[in-house]
């Protein structure tokens, strides 16, 4: 239980450290932890800037001991551990991995 709490705290710190390049950017970096839903953590003016931030997040998560697999063409990564998964995804700011909003 302590390990999961420590991991959640570390993930939260990582999310806070992601700086957005522009509030009106064309690409959004999304992240999702094992027990947390998708959350927008940064907005970037280009896909390349979003991918740079995604790669930095993947490296940070890997330092926590998770096995990271990056999929550059898809603009995503998956990090897996004994009992936890972390995902990151760069998407155009018109797309939302949470699906359509309910009316």
PDB file of N, CA and C in Angstrom:
ATOM      1  N   UNK A   1       0.827  -1.186   0.000  1.00  0.00           N
ATOM      2  CA  UNK A   1       0.000   0.000   0.000  1.00  0.00           C
ATOM      3  C   UNK A   1       0.870   1.249   0.000  1.00  0.00           C
ATOM      4  N   UNK A   2       1.966   1.222   0.763  1.00  0.00           N
ATOM      5  CA  UNK A   2       2.864   2.368   0.817  1.00  0.00           C
ATOM      6  C   UNK A   2       3.495   2.598  -0.547  1.00  0.00           C
ATOM      7  N   UNK A   3       3.846   1.519  -1.263  1.00  0.00           N
ATOM      8  CA  UNK A   3       4.442   1.637  -2.590  1.00  0.00           C
ATOM      9  C   UNK A   3       3.482   2.295  -3.561  1.00  0.00           C
ATOM     10  N   UNK A   4       2.205   1.923  -3.512  1.00  0.00           N
ATOM     11  CA  UNK A   4       1.211   2.521  -4.399  1.00  0.00           C
ATOM     12  C   UNK A   4       1.021   3.999  -4.084  1.00  0.00           C
ATOM     13  N   UNK A   5       1.013   4.355  -2.813  1.00  0.00           N
ATOM     14  CA  UNK A   5       0.861   5.757  -2.430  1.00  0.00           C
ATOM     15  C   UNK A   5       2.088   6.552  -2.875  1.00  0.00           C
ATOM     16  N   UNK A   6       3.260   5.974  -2.716  1.00  0.00           N
ATOM     17  CA  UNK A   6       4.488   6.645  -3.136  1.00  0.00           C
ATOM     18  C   UNK A   6       4.497   6.836  -4.647  1.00  0.00           C
ATOM     19  N   UNK A   7       4.048   5.794  -5.384  1.00  0.00           N
ATOM     20  CA  UNK A   7       3.972   5.896  -6.840  1.00  0.00           C
ATOM     21  C   UNK A   7       2.983   6.978  -7.252  1.00  0.00           C
ATOM     22  N   UNK A   8       1.815   7.009  -6.612  1.00  0.00           N
ATOM     23  CA  UNK A   8       0.805   8.019  -6.943  1.00  0.00           C
ATOM     24  C   UNK A   8       1.333   9.426  -6.692  1.00  0.00           C
ATOM     25  N   UNK A   9       2.048   9.602  -5.598  1.00  0.00           N
ATOM     26  CA  UNK A   9       2.636  10.904  -5.290  1.00  0.00           C
ATOM     27  C   UNK A   9       3.681  11.271  -6.332  1.00  0.00           C
ATOM     28  N   UNK A  10       4.507  10.310  -6.728  1.00  0.00           N
ATOM     29  CA  UNK A  10       5.534  10.581  -7.744  1.00  0.00           C
ATOM     30  C   UNK A  10       4.883  10.935  -9.078  1.00  0.00           C
ATOM     31  N   UNK A  11       3.822  10.230  -9.446  1.00  0.00           N
ATOM     32  CA  UNK A  11       3.115  10.527 -10.694  1.00  0.00           C
ATOM     33  C   UNK A  11       2.515  11.918 -10.640  1.00  0.00           C
ATOM     34  N   UNK A  12       1.926  12.271  -9.514  1.00  0.00           N
ATOM     35  CA  UNK A  12       1.353  13.607  -9.364  1.00  0.00           C
ATOM     36  C   UNK A  12       2.436  14.671  -9.519  1.00  0.00           C
ATOM     37  N   UNK A  13       3.591  14.446  -8.926  1.00  0.00           N
ATOM     38  CA  UNK A  13       4.698  15.397  -9.058  1.00  0.00           C
ATOM     39  C   UNK A  13       5.136  15.524 -10.516  1.00  0.00           C
ATOM     40  N   UNK A  14       5.172  14.405 -11.231  1.00  0.00           N
ATOM     41  CA  UNK A  14       5.543  14.453 -12.642  1.00  0.00           C
ATOM     42  C   UNK A  14       4.538  15.275 -13.440  1.00  0.00           C
ATOM     43  N   UNK A  15       3.277  15.078 -13.158  1.00  0.00           N
ATOM     44  CA  UNK A  15       2.247  15.804 -13.886  1.00  0.00           C
ATOM     45  C   UNK A  15       2.329  17.295 -13.622  1.00  0.00           C
ATOM     46  N   UNK A  16       2.643  17.666 -12.404  1.00  0.00           N
ATOM     47  CA  UNK A  16       2.754  19.080 -12.054  1.00  0.00           C
ATOM     48  C   UNK A  16       3.947  19.714 -12.761  1.00  0.00           C
ATOM     49  N   UNK A  17       5.009  18.945 -12.973  1.00  0.00           N
ATOM     50  CA  UNK A  17       6.211  19.490 -13.587  1.00  0.00           C
ATOM     51  C   UNK A  17       6.082  19.722 -15.087  1.00  0.00           C
ATOM     52  N   UNK A  18       5.087  19.127 -15.714  1.00  0.00           N
ATOM     53  CA  UNK A  18       4.920  19.322 -17.150  1.00  0.00           C
ATOM     54  C   UNK A  18       4.463  20.753 -17.401  1.00  0.00           C
ATOM     55  N   UNK A  19       5.231  21.481 -18.165  1.00  0.00           N
ATOM     56  CA  UNK A  19       4.882  22.879 -18.454  1.00  0.00           C
ATOM     57  C   UNK A  19       4.233  22.956 -19.825  1.00  0.00           C
ATOM     58  N   UNK A  20       3.173  23.721 -19.930  1.00  0.00           N
ATOM     59  CA  UNK A  20       2.533  23.884 -21.227  1.00  0.00           C
ATOM     60  C   UNK A  20       3.200  25.021 -21.986  1.00  0.00           C
ATOM     61  N   UNK A  21       3.395  24.809 -23.275  1.00  0.00           N
ATOM     62  CA  UNK A  21       4.064  25.803 -24.105  1.00  0.00           C
ATOM     63  C   UNK A  21       3.115  26.925 -24.510  1.00  0.00           C
ATOM     64  N   UNK A  22       1.841  26.605 -24.605  1.00  0.00           N
ATOM     65  CA  UNK A  22       0.893  27.623 -25.043  1.00  0.00           C
ATOM     66  C   UNK A  22      -0.504  27.191 -24.669  1.00  0.00           C
ATOM     67  N   UNK A  23      -1.326  28.121 -24.239  1.00  0.00           N
ATOM     68  CA  UNK A  23      -2.704  27.786 -23.877  1.00  0.00           C
ATOM     69  C   UNK A  23      -3.535  27.504 -25.110  1.00  0.00           C
ATOM     70  N   UNK A  24      -3.101  27.943 -26.288  1.00  0.00           N
ATOM     71  CA  UNK A  24      -3.866  27.750 -27.500  1.00  0.00           C
ATOM     72  C   UNK A  24      -3.136  26.834 -28.468  1.00  0.00           C
ATOM     73  N   UNK A  25      -2.370  25.883 -27.961  1.00  0.00           N
ATOM     74  CA  UNK A  25      -1.573  24.997 -28.792  1.00  0.00           C
ATOM     75  C   UNK A  25      -2.410  24.027 -29.586  1.00  0.00           C
ATOM     76  N   UNK A  26      -1.749  23.395 -30.509  1.00  0.00           N
ATOM     77  CA  UNK A  26      -2.424  22.468 -31.397  1.00  0.00           C
ATOM     78  C   UNK A  26      -2.369  21.023 -30.907  1.00  0.00           C
ATOM     79  N   UNK A  27      -1.529  20.718 -29.908  1.00  0.00           N
ATOM     80  CA  UNK A  27      -1.365  19.352 -29.412  1.00  0.00           C
ATOM     81  C   UNK A  27      -1.454  19.329 -27.891  1.00  0.00           C
ATOM     82  N   UNK A  28      -2.069  18.274 -27.358  1.00  0.00           N
ATOM     83  CA  UNK A  28      -2.229  18.126 -25.915  1.00  0.00           C
ATOM     84  C   UNK A  28      -1.586  16.828 -25.464  1.00  0.00           C
ATOM     85  N   UNK A  29      -0.842  16.896 -24.371  1.00  0.00           N
ATOM     86  CA  UNK A  29      -0.260  15.711 -23.745  1.00  0.00           C
ATOM     87  C   UNK A  29      -1.223  15.236 -22.676  1.00  0.00           C
ATOM     88  N   UNK A  30      -1.655  13.991 -22.793  1.00  0.00           N
ATOM     89  CA  UNK A  30      -2.568  13.359 -21.844  1.00  0.00           C
ATOM     90  C   UNK A  30      -1.816  12.265 -21.117  1.00  0.00           C
ATOM     91  N   UNK A  31      -2.122  12.086 -19.828  1.00  0.00           N
ATOM     92  CA  UNK A  31      -1.543  10.981 -19.066  1.00  0.00           C
ATOM     93  C   UNK A  31      -2.618  10.321 -18.222  1.00  0.00           C
ATOM     94  N   UNK A  32      -2.419   9.030 -17.985  1.00  0.00           N
ATOM     95  CA  UNK A  32      -3.364   8.260 -17.177  1.00  0.00           C
ATOM     96  C   UNK A  32      -2.566   7.277 -16.329  1.00  0.00           C
ATOM     97  N   UNK A  33      -2.862   7.242 -15.036  1.00  0.00           N
ATOM     98  CA  UNK A  33      -2.221   6.298 -14.128  1.00  0.00           C
ATOM     99  C   UNK A  33      -3.142   5.123 -13.861  1.00  0.00           C
ATOM    100  N   UNK A  34      -2.636   4.174 -13.106  1.00  0.00           N
ATOM    101  CA  UNK A  34      -3.396   2.953 -12.816  1.00  0.00           C
ATOM    102  C   UNK A  34      -4.740   3.247 -12.157  1.00  0.00           C
ATOM    103  N   UNK A  35      -4.760   4.216 -11.253  1.00  0.00           N
ATOM    104  CA  UNK A  35      -6.005   4.494 -10.536  1.00  0.00           C
ATOM    105  C   UNK A  35      -6.531   5.896 -10.827  1.00  0.00           C
ATOM    106  N   UNK A  36      -6.045   6.515 -11.906  1.00  0.00           N
ATOM    107  CA  UNK A  36      -6.521   7.854 -12.239  1.00  0.00           C
ATOM    108  C   UNK A  36      -6.952   7.901 -13.699  1.00  0.00           C
ATOM    109  N   UNK A  37      -7.952   8.705 -14.003  1.00  0.00           N
ATOM    110  CA  UNK A  37      -8.428   8.803 -15.390  1.00  0.00           C
ATOM    111  C   UNK A  37      -7.472   9.650 -16.231  1.00  0.00           C
ATOM    112  N   UNK A  38      -7.716   9.689 -17.531  1.00  0.00           N
ATOM    113  CA  UNK A  38      -6.940  10.551 -18.420  1.00  0.00           C
ATOM    114  C   UNK A  38      -7.013  11.982 -17.916  1.00  0.00           C
ATOM    115  N   UNK A  39      -5.861  12.671 -17.956  1.00  0.00           N
ATOM    116  CA  UNK A  39      -5.811  14.058 -17.533  1.00  0.00           C
ATOM    117  C   UNK A  39      -4.905  14.816 -18.495  1.00  0.00           C
ATOM    118  N   UNK A  40      -5.346  15.975 -18.930  1.00  0.00           N
ATOM    119  CA  UNK A  40      -4.554  16.847 -19.784  1.00  0.00           C
ATOM    120  C   UNK A  40      -3.473  17.484 -18.919  1.00  0.00           C
ATOM    121  N   UNK A  41      -2.207  17.290 -19.314  1.00  0.00           N
ATOM    122  CA  UNK A  41      -1.116  17.813 -18.492  1.00  0.00           C
ATOM    123  C   UNK A  41      -0.265  18.851 -19.210  1.00  0.00           C
ATOM    124  N   UNK A  42      -0.567  19.145 -20.463  1.00  0.00           N
ATOM    125  CA  UNK A  42       0.192  20.160 -21.182  1.00  0.00           C
ATOM    126  C   UNK A  42      -0.362  20.373 -22.574  1.00  0.00           C
ATOM    127  N   UNK A  43      -0.265  21.604 -23.042  1.00  0.00           N
ATOM    128  CA  UNK A  43      -0.705  21.952 -24.383  1.00  0.00           C
ATOM    129  C   UNK A  43       0.477  22.564 -25.111  1.00  0.00           C
ATOM    130  N   UNK A  44       0.691  22.153 -26.363  1.00  0.00           N
ATOM    131  CA  UNK A  44       1.886  22.535 -27.110  1.00  0.00           C
ATOM    132  C   UNK A  44       1.517  23.026 -28.499  1.00  0.00           C
ATOM    133  N   UNK A  45       2.319  23.920 -29.030  1.00  0.00           N
ATOM    134  CA  UNK A  45       2.020  24.522 -30.328  1.00  0.00           C
ATOM    135  C   UNK A  45       2.327  23.592 -31.497  1.00  0.00           C
ATOM    136  N   UNK A  46       3.165  22.562 -31.269  1.00  0.00           N
ATOM    137  CA  UNK A  46       3.490  21.610 -32.340  1.00  0.00           C
ATOM    138  C   UNK A  46       3.485  20.184 -31.784  1.00  0.00           C
ATOM    139  N   UNK A  47       3.349  19.223 -32.684  1.00  0.00           N
ATOM    140  CA  UNK A  47       3.420  17.814 -32.283  1.00  0.00           C
ATOM    141  C   UNK A  47       4.814  17.503 -31.749  1.00  0.00           C
ATOM    142  N   UNK A  48       5.831  18.082 -32.351  1.00  0.00           N
ATOM    143  CA  UNK A  48       7.204  17.819 -31.922  1.00  0.00           C
ATOM    144  C   UNK A  48       7.428  18.235 -30.470  1.00  0.00           C
ATOM    145  N   UNK A  49       6.911  19.398 -30.084  1.00  0.00           N
ATOM    146  CA  UNK A  49       7.048  19.831 -28.688  1.00  0.00           C
ATOM    147  C   UNK A  49       6.293  18.897 -27.749  1.00  0.00           C
ATOM    148  N   UNK A  50       5.124  18.460 -28.165  1.00  0.00           N
ATOM    149  CA  UNK A  50       4.351  17.516 -27.347  1.00  0.00           C
ATOM    150  C   UNK A  50       5.118  16.198 -27.219  1.00  0.00           C
ATOM    151  N   UNK A  51       5.699  15.730 -28.315  1.00  0.00           N
ATOM    152  CA  UNK A  51       6.446  14.473 -28.286  1.00  0.00           C
ATOM    153  C   UNK A  51       7.690  14.587 -27.401  1.00  0.00           C
ATOM    154  N   UNK A  52       8.340  15.751 -27.405  1.00  0.00           N
ATOM    155  CA  UNK A  52       9.485  15.961 -26.510  1.00  0.00           C
ATOM    156  C   UNK A  52       9.047  15.816 -25.049  1.00  0.00           C
ATOM    157  N   UNK A  53       7.920  16.433 -24.701  1.00  0.00           N
ATOM    158  CA  UNK A  53       7.399  16.343 -23.335  1.00  0.00           C
ATOM    159  C   UNK A  53       6.982  14.914 -23.010  1.00  0.00           C
ATOM    160  N   UNK A  54       6.375  14.231 -23.973  1.00  0.00           N
ATOM    161  CA  UNK A  54       5.967  12.836 -23.787  1.00  0.00           C
ATOM    162  C   UNK A  54       7.192  11.966 -23.497  1.00  0.00           C
ATOM    163  N   UNK A  55       8.247  12.169 -24.260  1.00  0.00           N
ATOM    164  CA  UNK A  55       9.481  11.395 -24.059  1.00  0.00           C
ATOM    165  C   UNK A  55      10.078  11.668 -22.678  1.00  0.00           C
ATOM    166  N   UNK A  56      10.060  12.922 -22.243  1.00  0.00           N
ATOM    167  CA  UNK A  56      10.562  13.265 -20.910  1.00  0.00           C
ATOM    168  C   UNK A  56       9.744  12.565 -19.830  1.00  0.00           C
ATOM    169  N   UNK A  57       8.423  12.516 -20.018  1.00  0.00           N
ATOM    170  CA  UNK A  57       7.569  11.832 -19.050  1.00  0.00           C
ATOM    171  C   UNK A  57       7.865  10.337 -19.039  1.00  0.00           C
ATOM    172  N   UNK A  58       8.063   9.760 -20.210  1.00  0.00           N
ATOM    173  CA  UNK A  58       8.382   8.331 -20.294  1.00  0.00           C
ATOM    174  C   UNK A  58       9.685   8.027 -19.557  1.00  0.00           C
ATOM    175  N   UNK A  59      10.687   8.878 -19.732  1.00  0.00           N
ATOM    176  CA  UNK A  59      11.962   8.682 -19.041  1.00  0.00           C
ATOM    177  C   UNK A  59      11.792   8.804 -17.527  1.00  0.00           C
ATOM    178  N   UNK A  60      10.989   9.776 -17.091  1.00  0.00           N
ATOM    179  CA  UNK A  60      10.769   9.965 -15.651  1.00  0.00           C
ATOM    180  C   UNK A  60      10.059   8.764 -15.045  1.00  0.00           C
ATOM    181  N   UNK A  61       9.071   8.244 -15.752  1.00  0.00           N
ATOM    182  CA  UNK A  61       8.333   7.072 -15.256  1.00  0.00           C
ATOM    183  C   UNK A  61       9.248   5.853 -15.228  1.00  0.00           C
ATOM    184  N   UNK A  62      10.121   5.733 -16.217  1.00  0.00           N
ATOM    185  CA  UNK A  62      11.057   4.607 -16.260  1.00  0.00           C
ATOM    186  C   UNK A  62      11.984   4.631 -15.039  1.00  0.00           C
ATOM    187  N   UNK A  63      12.361   5.832 -14.587  1.00  0.00           N
ATOM    188  CA  UNK A  63      13.214   5.956 -13.406  1.00  0.00           C
ATOM    189  C   UNK A  63      12.499   5.478 -12.148  1.00  0.00           C
ATOM    190  N   UNK A  64      11.168   5.391 -12.187  1.00  0.00           N
ATOM    191  CA  UNK A  64      10.411   4.863 -11.051  1.00  0.00           C
ATOM    192  C   UNK A  64      10.397   3.337 -11.033  1.00  0.00           C
ATOM    193  N   UNK A  65      11.019   2.730 -12.050  1.00  0.00           N
ATOM    194  CA  UNK A  65      11.128   1.281 -12.082  1.00  0.00           C
ATOM    195  C   UNK A  65      10.132   0.585 -12.984  1.00  0.00           C
ATOM    196  N   UNK A  66       9.368   1.338 -13.769  1.00  0.00           N
ATOM    197  CA  UNK A  66       8.412   0.733 -14.681  1.00  0.00           C
ATOM    198  C   UNK A  66       9.080   0.457 -16.024  1.00  0.00           C
ATOM    199  N   UNK A  67       8.583  -0.556 -16.738  1.00  0.00           N
ATOM    200  CA  UNK A  67       9.084  -0.871 -18.073  1.00  0.00           C
ATOM    201  C   UNK A  67       8.304  -0.016 -19.059  1.00  0.00           C
ATOM    202  N   UNK A  68       9.016   0.810 -19.835  1.00  0.00           N
ATOM    203  CA  UNK A  68       8.381   1.761 -20.742  1.00  0.00           C
ATOM    204  C   UNK A  68       8.536   1.308 -22.184  1.00  0.00           C
ATOM    205  N   UNK A  69       7.426   1.375 -22.919  1.00  0.00           N
ATOM    206  CA  UNK A  69       7.430   1.128 -24.357  1.00  0.00           C
ATOM    207  C   UNK A  69       6.861   2.365 -25.032  1.00  0.00           C
ATOM    208  N   UNK A  70       7.690   3.031 -25.838  1.00  0.00           N
ATOM    209  CA  UNK A  70       7.242   4.215 -26.562  1.00  0.00           C
ATOM    210  C   UNK A  70       6.826   3.818 -27.976  1.00  0.00           C
ATOM    211  N   UNK A  71       5.753   4.419 -28.461  1.00  0.00           N
ATOM    212  CA  UNK A  71       5.272   4.233 -29.822  1.00  0.00           C
ATOM    213  C   UNK A  71       5.273   5.612 -30.478  1.00  0.00           C
ATOM    214  N   UNK A  72       6.403   5.980 -31.091  1.00  0.00           N
ATOM    215  CA  UNK A  72       6.561   7.319 -31.646  1.00  0.00           C
ATOM    216  C   UNK A  72       5.538   7.611 -32.750  1.00  0.00           C
ATOM    217  N   UNK A  73       5.316   6.698 -33.715  1.00  0.00           N
ATOM    218  CA  UNK A  73       4.321   7.006 -34.750  1.00  0.00           C
ATOM    219  C   UNK A  73       2.924   7.285 -34.176  1.00  0.00           C
ATOM    220  N   UNK A  74       2.558   6.575 -33.117  1.00  0.00           N
ATOM    221  CA  UNK A  74       1.243   6.778 -32.492  1.00  0.00           C
ATOM    222  C   UNK A  74       1.266   7.944 -31.501  1.00  0.00           C
ATOM    223  N   UNK A  75       2.461   8.420 -31.140  1.00  0.00           N
ATOM    224  CA  UNK A  75       2.572   9.517 -30.183  1.00  0.00           C
ATOM    225  C   UNK A  75       2.169   9.113 -28.781  1.00  0.00           C
ATOM    226  N   UNK A  76       2.642   7.933 -28.350  1.00  0.00           N
ATOM    227  CA  UNK A  76       2.215   7.436 -27.044  1.00  0.00           C
ATOM    228  C   UNK A  76       3.313   6.617 -26.371  1.00  0.00           C
ATOM    229  N   UNK A  77       3.085   6.343 -25.071  1.00  0.00           N
ATOM    230  CA  UNK A  77       3.914   5.375 -24.363  1.00  0.00           C
ATOM    231  C   UNK A  77       3.040   4.619 -23.375  1.00  0.00           C
ATOM    232  N   UNK A  78       3.509   3.425 -23.041  1.00  0.00           N
ATOM    233  CA  UNK A  78       2.884   2.603 -22.017  1.00  0.00           C
ATOM    234  C   UNK A  78       3.985   2.175 -21.074  1.00  0.00           C
ATOM    235  N   UNK A  79       3.775   2.396 -19.789  1.00  0.00           N
ATOM    236  CA  UNK A  79       4.721   1.977 -18.755  1.00  0.00           C
ATOM    237  C   UNK A  79       4.010   0.976 -17.861  1.00  0.00           C
ATOM    238  N   UNK A  80       4.642  -0.166 -17.636  1.00  0.00           N
ATOM    239  CA  UNK A  80       4.023  -1.208 -16.830  1.00  0.00           C
ATOM    240  C   UNK A  80       4.934  -1.610 -15.684  1.00  0.00           C
ATOM    241  N   UNK A  81       4.300  -1.953 -14.580  1.00  0.00           N
ATOM    242  CA  UNK A  81       5.003  -2.436 -13.407  1.00  0.00           C
ATOM    243  C   UNK A  81       4.240  -3.616 -12.845  1.00  0.00           C
ATOM    244  N   UNK A  82       4.631  -4.054 -11.672  1.00  0.00           N
ATOM    245  CA  UNK A  82       4.007  -5.223 -11.049  1.00  0.00           C
ATOM    246  C   UNK A  82       2.502  -5.065 -10.915  1.00  0.00           C
ATOM    247  N   UNK A  83       2.056  -3.915 -10.463  1.00  0.00           N
ATOM    248  CA  UNK A  83       0.619  -3.726 -10.244  1.00  0.00           C
ATOM    249  C   UNK A  83       0.152  -2.349 -10.696  1.00  0.00           C
ATOM    250  N   UNK A  84       0.856  -1.782 -11.685  1.00  0.00           N
ATOM    251  CA  UNK A  84       0.504  -0.433 -12.112  1.00  0.00           C
ATOM    252  C   UNK A  84       0.836  -0.210 -13.583  1.00  0.00           C
ATOM    253  N   UNK A  85       0.042   0.590 -14.237  1.00  0.00           N
ATOM    254  CA  UNK A  85       0.266   1.002 -15.610  1.00  0.00           C
ATOM    255  C   UNK A  85       0.160   2.521 -15.667  1.00  0.00           C
ATOM    256  N   UNK A  86       0.984   3.126 -16.502  1.00  0.00           N
ATOM    257  CA  UNK A  86       0.909   4.551 -16.770  1.00  0.00           C
ATOM    258  C   UNK A  86       0.932   4.708 -18.280  1.00  0.00           C
ATOM    259  N   UNK A  87       0.054   5.559 -18.796  1.00  0.00           N
ATOM    260  CA  UNK A  87      -0.005   5.802 -20.229  1.00  0.00           C
ATOM    261  C   UNK A  87       0.160   7.289 -20.500  1.00  0.00           C
ATOM    262  N   UNK A  88       0.778   7.589 -21.622  1.00  0.00           N
ATOM    263  CA  UNK A  88       0.896   8.959 -22.084  1.00  0.00           C
ATOM    264  C   UNK A  88       0.526   9.004 -23.553  1.00  0.00           C
ATOM    265  N   UNK A  89      -0.063  10.112 -23.985  1.00  0.00           N
ATOM    266  CA  UNK A  89      -0.521  10.220 -25.371  1.00  0.00           C
ATOM    267  C   UNK A  89      -0.522  11.675 -25.816  1.00  0.00           C
ATOM    268  N   UNK A  90       0.055  11.969 -26.975  1.00  0.00           N
ATOM    269  CA  UNK A  90      -0.053  13.291 -27.600  1.00  0.00           C
ATOM    270  C   UNK A  90      -1.162  13.220 -28.638  1.00  0.00           C
ATOM    271  N   UNK A  91      -2.119  14.119 -28.510  1.00  0.00           N
ATOM    272  CA  UNK A  91      -3.246  14.159 -29.442  1.00  0.00           C
ATOM    273  C   UNK A  91      -3.487  15.596 -29.897  1.00  0.00           C
ATOM    274  N   UNK A  92      -4.035  15.763 -31.107  1.00  0.00           N
ATOM    275  CA  UNK A  92      -4.448  17.109 -31.503  1.00  0.00           C
ATOM    276  C   UNK A  92      -5.418  17.653 -30.460  1.00  0.00           C
ATOM    277  N   UNK A  93      -5.394  18.965 -30.249  1.00  0.00           N
ATOM    278  CA  UNK A  93      -6.225  19.523 -29.179  1.00  0.00           C
ATOM    279  C   UNK A  93      -7.719  19.395 -29.439  1.00  0.00           C
ATOM    280  N   UNK A  94      -8.092  18.904 -30.595  1.00  0.00           N
ATOM    281  CA  UNK A  94      -9.507  18.666 -30.901  1.00  0.00           C
ATOM    282  C   UNK A  94      -9.946  17.265 -30.488  1.00  0.00           C
ATOM    283  N   UNK A  95      -9.000  16.421 -30.052  1.00  0.00           N
ATOM    284  CA  UNK A  95      -9.317  15.047 -29.649  1.00  0.00           C
ATOM    285  C   UNK A  95      -9.189  14.900 -28.140  1.00  0.00           C
ATOM    286  N   UNK A  96     -10.022  14.027 -27.586  1.00  0.00           N
ATOM    287  CA  UNK A  96     -10.029  13.786 -26.142  1.00  0.00           C
ATOM    288  C   UNK A  96     -10.079  12.276 -25.919  1.00  0.00           C
ATOM    289  N   UNK A  97      -9.044  11.688 -25.266  1.00  0.00           N
ATOM    290  CA  UNK A  97      -9.035  10.229 -25.073  1.00  0.00           C
ATOM    291  C   UNK A  97     -10.143   9.736 -24.139  1.00  0.00           C
ATOM    292  N   UNK A  98     -10.793  10.648 -23.434  1.00  0.00           N
ATOM    293  CA  UNK A  98     -11.882  10.250 -22.535  1.00  0.00           C
ATOM    294  C   UNK A  98     -13.165   9.994 -23.291  1.00  0.00           C
ATOM    295  N   UNK A  99     -13.177  10.299 -24.586  1.00  0.00           N
ATOM    296  CA  UNK A  99     -14.378  10.076 -25.397  1.00  0.00           C
ATOM    297  C   UNK A  99     -15.240  11.318 -25.430  1.00  0.00           C
ATOM    298  N   UNK A 100     -16.371  11.212 -26.113  1.00  0.00           N
ATOM    299  CA  UNK A 100     -17.266  12.380 -26.212  1.00  0.00           C
ATOM    300  C   UNK A 100     -17.874  12.723 -24.872  1.00  0.00           C
ATOM    301  N   UNK A 101     -18.094  14.020 -24.674  1.00  0.00           N
ATOM    302  CA  UNK A 101     -18.720  14.482 -23.438  1.00  0.00           C
ATOM    303  C   UNK A 101     -20.208  14.196 -23.483  1.00  0.00           C
ATOM    304  N   UNK A 102     -20.735  13.754 -22.347  1.00  0.00           N
ATOM    305  CA  UNK A 102     -22.181  13.501 -22.257  1.00  0.00           C
ATOM    306  C   UNK A 102     -22.923  14.810 -22.147  1.00  0.00           C
ATOM    307  N   UNK A 103     -24.094  14.840 -22.767  1.00  0.00           N
ATOM    308  CA  UNK A 103     -24.917  16.073 -22.713  1.00  0.00           C
ATOM    309  C   UNK A 103     -26.012  15.953 -21.710  1.00  0.00           C
TER     310      UNK A 103
END
